[in-house]
Amino acid sequence: MVRQVANPYKEAVDIVREMGGEALRLCYQCGLCTGACPWN
């Protein structure tokens, strides 16, 4: 039997990367995501 792990967020991550998601890598997971994030 072949099993694959599905990533439900893959499409969303791809969209963010296409829209300039380089800053996404700077996120340090503070949990306070806003449009005014100083890391973006």
N, C-alpha and C. Protein backbone atom coordinates (compact mmCIF):
# COMPACT_ATOMS: atom_id res chain seq x y z
N MET A 1 0.84 -1.18 0.00
CA MET A 1 0.00 0.00 0.00
C MET A 1 0.89 1.25 0.00
N VAL A 2 0.55 2.20 -0.84
CA VAL A 2 1.29 3.46 -0.93
C VAL A 2 0.51 4.53 -0.18
N ARG A 3 1.22 5.23 0.70
CA ARG A 3 0.57 6.31 1.46
C ARG A 3 1.29 7.62 1.17
N GLN A 4 0.51 8.67 1.11
CA GLN A 4 1.07 10.01 0.93
C GLN A 4 0.54 10.90 2.04
N VAL A 5 1.40 11.73 2.54
CA VAL A 5 0.99 12.69 3.55
C VAL A 5 0.52 13.94 2.83
N ALA A 6 -0.70 14.33 3.10
CA ALA A 6 -1.26 15.52 2.47
C ALA A 6 -0.94 16.75 3.31
N ASN A 7 -0.60 17.82 2.64
CA ASN A 7 -0.34 19.09 3.31
C ASN A 7 -1.46 20.05 2.91
N PRO A 8 -2.45 20.24 3.80
CA PRO A 8 -3.59 21.09 3.43
C PRO A 8 -3.24 22.55 3.21
N TYR A 9 -2.07 22.98 3.68
CA TYR A 9 -1.68 24.38 3.55
C TYR A 9 -0.73 24.64 2.39
N LYS A 10 -0.42 23.62 1.63
CA LYS A 10 0.55 23.79 0.55
C LYS A 10 0.11 24.86 -0.44
N GLU A 11 -1.13 24.85 -0.83
CA GLU A 11 -1.61 25.84 -1.79
C GLU A 11 -1.50 27.25 -1.21
N ALA A 12 -1.88 27.44 0.03
CA ALA A 12 -1.80 28.76 0.65
C ALA A 12 -0.36 29.24 0.74
N VAL A 13 0.54 28.34 1.10
CA VAL A 13 1.96 28.70 1.20
C VAL A 13 2.49 29.10 -0.17
N ASP A 14 2.11 28.38 -1.21
CA ASP A 14 2.55 28.71 -2.56
C ASP A 14 2.06 30.10 -2.97
N ILE A 15 0.84 30.44 -2.62
CA ILE A 15 0.28 31.75 -2.97
C ILE A 15 1.05 32.85 -2.26
N VAL A 16 1.34 32.65 -0.98
CA VAL A 16 2.09 33.66 -0.22
C VAL A 16 3.48 33.85 -0.81
N ARG A 17 4.13 32.77 -1.18
CA ARG A 17 5.47 32.87 -1.77
C ARG A 17 5.43 33.63 -3.09
N GLU A 18 4.41 33.39 -3.90
CA GLU A 18 4.29 34.08 -5.19
C GLU A 18 4.07 35.58 -5.01
N MET A 19 3.44 35.96 -3.90
CA MET A 19 3.12 37.37 -3.67
C MET A 19 4.23 38.09 -2.91
N GLY A 20 5.41 37.51 -2.86
CA GLY A 20 6.52 38.16 -2.19
C GLY A 20 6.72 37.65 -0.78
N GLY A 21 6.56 36.38 -0.59
CA GLY A 21 6.63 35.79 0.74
C GLY A 21 8.03 35.56 1.27
N GLU A 22 9.02 36.28 0.76
CA GLU A 22 10.37 36.11 1.28
C GLU A 22 10.41 36.43 2.77
N ALA A 23 9.62 37.41 3.19
CA ALA A 23 9.59 37.80 4.60
C ALA A 23 8.95 36.72 5.47
N LEU A 24 8.22 35.81 4.86
CA LEU A 24 7.60 34.73 5.62
C LEU A 24 8.65 33.93 6.37
N ARG A 25 9.83 33.82 5.81
CA ARG A 25 10.91 33.08 6.46
C ARG A 25 11.42 33.79 7.71
N LEU A 26 11.15 35.09 7.83
CA LEU A 26 11.60 35.85 8.98
C LEU A 26 10.70 35.68 10.20
N CYS A 27 9.54 35.07 10.01
CA CYS A 27 8.59 34.90 11.10
C CYS A 27 9.21 34.05 12.20
N TYR A 28 9.08 34.52 13.43
CA TYR A 28 9.61 33.76 14.56
C TYR A 28 8.49 33.21 15.43
N GLN A 29 7.30 33.04 14.85
CA GLN A 29 6.16 32.35 15.47
C GLN A 29 5.71 32.99 16.78
N CYS A 30 5.58 34.31 16.80
CA CYS A 30 5.13 34.99 18.01
C CYS A 30 3.63 34.80 18.24
N GLY A 31 2.89 34.50 17.15
CA GLY A 31 1.46 34.29 17.27
C GLY A 31 0.66 35.58 17.22
N LEU A 32 1.28 36.69 16.91
CA LEU A 32 0.60 37.98 16.85
C LEU A 32 0.52 38.51 15.43
N CYS A 33 0.20 37.66 14.50
CA CYS A 33 0.20 38.02 13.07
C CYS A 33 -0.74 39.19 12.80
N THR A 34 -0.20 40.23 12.19
CA THR A 34 -0.98 41.39 11.78
C THR A 34 -0.40 41.93 10.48
N GLY A 35 -1.13 42.80 9.86
CA GLY A 35 -0.63 43.44 8.65
C GLY A 35 0.51 44.40 8.94
N ALA A 36 0.68 44.77 10.20
CA ALA A 36 1.74 45.70 10.59
C ALA A 36 2.91 44.99 11.25
N CYS A 37 3.10 43.74 10.94
CA CYS A 37 4.20 42.96 11.52
C CYS A 37 5.54 43.62 11.19
N PRO A 38 6.35 43.90 12.20
CA PRO A 38 7.64 44.56 11.94
C PRO A 38 8.61 43.69 11.15
N TRP A 39 8.34 42.42 11.07
CA TRP A 39 9.23 41.52 10.34
C TRP A 39 8.86 41.42 8.88
N ASN A 40 7.70 41.95 8.50
CA ASN A 40 7.29 41.89 7.08
C ASN A 40 7.77 43.10 6.35
